[in-house]
């Protein structure tokens, strides 16, 4: 073989090798894609155990489906995205490629990312129970989950304290606590009665910082948790899924099981949105990817947080009705209207 041909062949092989290596190089991006879906009225994947189990209170047969949507994430801590996958995502209309720092904090380890996602999922389940029971006017007990060490509450309150009254107002739900908290003022002593180890304890809490959220609870210096009064027990089992965005569909699933006749009219309803203590539906990420996931699950209705409804509608085909929802009660009203063939809002 002539030297010139050999040199050309070596050059071509080297160029191909360099191209393959460059193609596999990690890039600081993540790709969001439609993820798996789960029916909150159905069973856990791979088992016959209901995803939502309710004990100690009558439950009723359900119809249709309430589909919880997820987003698949490629890239991030411990799972670097390569150039090939990033470019493929840019050309795939169902995917969204973003700089990694838009999704994960700088320097976050894989263990920290997994823990955060797990904690957010656990909190979404707790918030869903709280919002559902508030909507159904089912009383419970409110206890202190964590105390902020930087606030005065840490000197008088302890995790596990059961809240009896705040400013002489009985507390039977986090909704009750929120109603009282709206009247809080910095440096005005708040009278609290708690039950600690079976004893009644009266304390004074002095809010020293303004709340930077709409629920005002940070001013009290603690995070609450609500538990239904026995014998009612609600268990949500969904593993290997993280993040906060399942709250609204969990809450609807709980309400459907506790409501005679159901709430969805036998339709396949998909939706997303984190949920607040009193049922505010909060915005999440990956809304367009969740629309594609809803379509794959056979949904005909998509419940979207109000602020993200236009983005959802921009990729939804005519066969998928996108409904903006701001609160859990509004979502229930819209589902009731759908079931009887009435009008519902749209983007």
Foldseek 3Di string as FASTA:
>chain_A
DDPVVVVVVVVVVVVVVVVVVLQFDFDQKKKKFWDAKDFQLAPEPPDRHRLKDKPFAAWEDFFATEIETDIDIADDAPGTDGNNVQVVQVPDPRMDMDGNCVPDPPPQHPVNVVVQFAVLQVVLLQLLVLQLCLVVVFFWWKFFQFFAPVFPVVVPDDGPWIWQDKQNHGDRGVVSVLVVLVPDDAQDWIWTWTQDPNDIDIDTGGQHDADPDPSNVVSRGTDMTTDGDPPIDMDGDYPPGGHQWRNLSNNQSVNQGNDPPGQQLNFHEYETAGAGSNFFGHADPDLCSRLVNCVVVVHQEYEHAQVCQVVNVVNHDPSHFYAHDGGSVLVSVQSNCVNVVHDGDHD
